[in-house]
Amino acid sequence: MRSPRAHLLILAVLLAAGNVAWTFMRSGVPFALEGTVERIEVRREKHPGLDDVHLVTIGGRTLQLDADVAGALHEGDHVSKQAWSWRLSTPREPVRLGLSNDARGMLVTMPLLVLLGWMALRWGARSSAQ
């Protein structure tokens, strides 16, 4: 049977991976998109302009997208994109998709936090064994 420390480490890895995946999905890259932009909604958060939530409804499907992606779209635009493509077609010009500063930060921060947690668990195990 695994120790409670191992369970904590597994939980930390799962939470970190989920956090990275969620911020990556906001880029729009994983999704196939085809349809008309029906609505663009910006929900202001604690730091307006920095951590706002951008909800875009395309073909009846609402997605949370990064500010750069949502900002390139207009209601009434017909957009299309294959899943895992880094380019979104719009009536004006293609929008190049990329990782937001948030996603890049998570790619660095989450592994570091897991590593620090692992080190703390190892140090705690060593201390309690002595």
Protein backbone atom coordinates (compact mmCIF):
# COMPACT_ATOMS: atom_id res chain seq x y z
CA MET A 1 0.00 0.00 0.00
CA ARG A 2 1.25 3.47 -0.86
CA SER A 3 2.06 5.97 1.83
CA PRO A 4 -0.03 9.09 2.41
CA ARG A 5 2.94 11.08 1.07
CA ALA A 6 2.79 9.22 -2.24
CA HIS A 7 -0.92 9.97 -2.45
CA LEU A 8 -0.22 13.66 -1.86
CA LEU A 9 2.40 13.67 -4.60
CA ILE A 10 0.07 11.93 -7.05
CA LEU A 11 -2.68 14.44 -6.21
CA ALA A 12 -0.26 17.35 -6.73
CA VAL A 13 0.81 15.99 -10.13
CA LEU A 14 -2.82 15.54 -11.21
CA LEU A 15 -3.81 19.04 -10.08
CA ALA A 16 -0.77 20.60 -11.75
CA ALA A 17 -1.44 18.73 -15.00
CA GLY A 18 -5.08 19.81 -14.90
CA ASN A 19 -4.06 23.42 -14.38
CA VAL A 20 -1.67 23.31 -17.34
CA ALA A 21 -4.28 21.60 -19.53
CA TRP A 22 -6.98 24.14 -18.62
CA THR A 23 -4.78 27.14 -19.49
CA PHE A 24 -3.67 25.44 -22.73
CA MET A 25 -7.28 24.78 -23.77
CA ARG A 26 -7.98 28.53 -23.58
CA SER A 27 -5.66 28.95 -26.58
CA GLY A 28 -8.33 27.21 -28.67
CA VAL A 29 -5.73 24.91 -30.25
CA PRO A 30 -7.26 21.57 -29.15
CA PHE A 31 -10.70 22.39 -30.57
CA ALA A 32 -12.17 22.04 -34.04
CA LEU A 33 -14.21 25.17 -34.67
CA GLU A 34 -16.67 25.79 -37.46
CA GLY A 35 -19.48 28.31 -37.33
CA THR A 36 -20.56 31.83 -36.68
CA VAL A 37 -19.41 33.82 -33.67
CA GLU A 38 -22.73 34.38 -31.94
CA ARG A 39 -21.57 36.09 -28.78
CA ILE A 40 -18.43 37.44 -27.15
CA GLU A 41 -18.73 38.08 -23.43
CA VAL A 42 -16.02 39.53 -21.19
CA ARG A 43 -16.42 38.95 -17.48
CA ARG A 44 -14.25 41.27 -15.44
CA GLU A 45 -12.28 39.73 -12.62
CA LYS A 46 -10.29 41.14 -9.72
CA HIS A 47 -7.72 42.84 -12.00
CA PRO A 48 -9.66 44.15 -15.05
CA GLY A 49 -7.68 43.80 -18.24
CA LEU A 50 -5.35 41.20 -16.73
CA ASP A 51 -7.43 38.26 -15.54
CA ASP A 52 -10.73 38.77 -17.38
CA VAL A 53 -12.68 35.74 -18.60
CA HIS A 54 -13.54 35.75 -22.32
CA LEU A 55 -16.46 33.53 -23.27
CA VAL A 56 -17.02 33.10 -27.01
CA THR A 57 -20.03 31.27 -28.42
CA ILE A 58 -19.38 29.72 -31.84
CA GLY A 59 -22.05 27.63 -33.49
CA GLY A 60 -23.93 27.20 -30.20
CA ARG A 61 -20.83 26.11 -28.29
CA THR A 62 -19.39 28.41 -25.63
CA LEU A 63 -15.66 28.30 -24.99
CA GLN A 64 -13.41 30.20 -22.66
CA LEU A 65 -10.63 31.62 -24.85
CA ASP A 66 -7.56 33.73 -24.24
CA ALA A 67 -7.98 37.49 -24.56
CA ASP A 68 -5.85 37.61 -27.74
CA VAL A 69 -8.04 35.06 -29.51
CA ALA A 70 -11.33 36.57 -28.34
CA GLY A 71 -10.09 40.06 -29.22
CA ALA A 72 -9.45 39.03 -32.84
CA LEU A 73 -13.06 37.94 -33.31
CA HIS A 74 -16.26 39.87 -33.95
CA GLU A 75 -19.83 38.78 -33.49
CA GLY A 76 -21.11 37.58 -36.86
CA ASP A 77 -17.70 36.32 -38.05
CA HIS A 78 -17.66 32.90 -39.66
CA VAL A 79 -14.65 31.05 -38.30
CA SER A 80 -13.14 27.65 -38.98
CA LYS A 81 -10.28 25.61 -37.62
CA GLN A 82 -9.31 21.97 -37.44
CA ALA A 83 -8.53 20.44 -34.06
CA TRP A 84 -4.89 20.96 -33.04
CA SER A 85 -4.33 23.58 -35.74
CA TRP A 86 -2.56 26.73 -34.59
CA ARG A 87 -4.43 28.89 -37.14
CA LEU A 88 -8.03 30.11 -36.99
CA SER A 89 -9.64 31.35 -40.22
CA THR A 90 -11.72 34.53 -39.95
CA PRO A 91 -13.27 36.81 -42.60
CA ARG A 92 -10.45 39.35 -42.21
CA GLU A 93 -7.28 37.32 -41.88
CA PRO A 94 -6.13 34.11 -40.23
CA VAL A 95 -5.52 34.39 -36.50
CA ARG A 96 -2.35 32.70 -35.32
CA LEU A 97 -3.04 30.91 -32.06
CA GLY A 98 -0.43 30.63 -29.37
CA LEU A 99 0.14 30.13 -25.69
CA SER A 100 -0.87 33.00 -23.46
CA ASN A 101 1.46 34.38 -20.81
CA ASP A 102 -0.75 32.50 -18.36
CA ALA A 103 -0.15 29.17 -20.13
CA ARG A 104 3.59 29.75 -20.45
CA GLY A 105 3.73 30.64 -16.76
CA MET A 106 1.86 27.46 -15.83
CA LEU A 107 4.26 25.35 -17.91
CA VAL A 108 7.09 26.64 -15.72
CA THR A 109 5.35 27.07 -12.37
CA MET A 110 3.45 23.80 -12.07
CA PRO A 111 6.44 21.46 -12.58
CA LEU A 112 8.46 23.57 -10.15
CA LEU A 113 5.72 23.36 -7.53
CA VAL A 114 5.48 19.59 -7.96
CA LEU A 115 9.26 19.29 -7.67
CA LEU A 116 9.29 21.43 -4.52
CA GLY A 117 6.45 19.35 -3.09
CA TRP A 118 8.32 16.15 -3.87
CA MET A 119 11.47 17.53 -2.25
CA ALA A 120 9.49 18.56 0.85
CA LEU A 121 7.94 15.10 1.09
CA ARG A 122 11.36 13.44 0.74
CA TRP A 123 12.85 15.75 3.36
CA GLY A 124 9.88 15.08 5.67
CA ALA A 125 10.26 11.31 5.19
CA ARG A 126 13.97 11.50 5.96
CA SER A 127 13.38 13.64 9.06
CA SER A 128 10.72 11.32 10.44
CA ALA A 129 12.92 8.25 9.82
CA GLN A 130 15.72 9.62 11.99
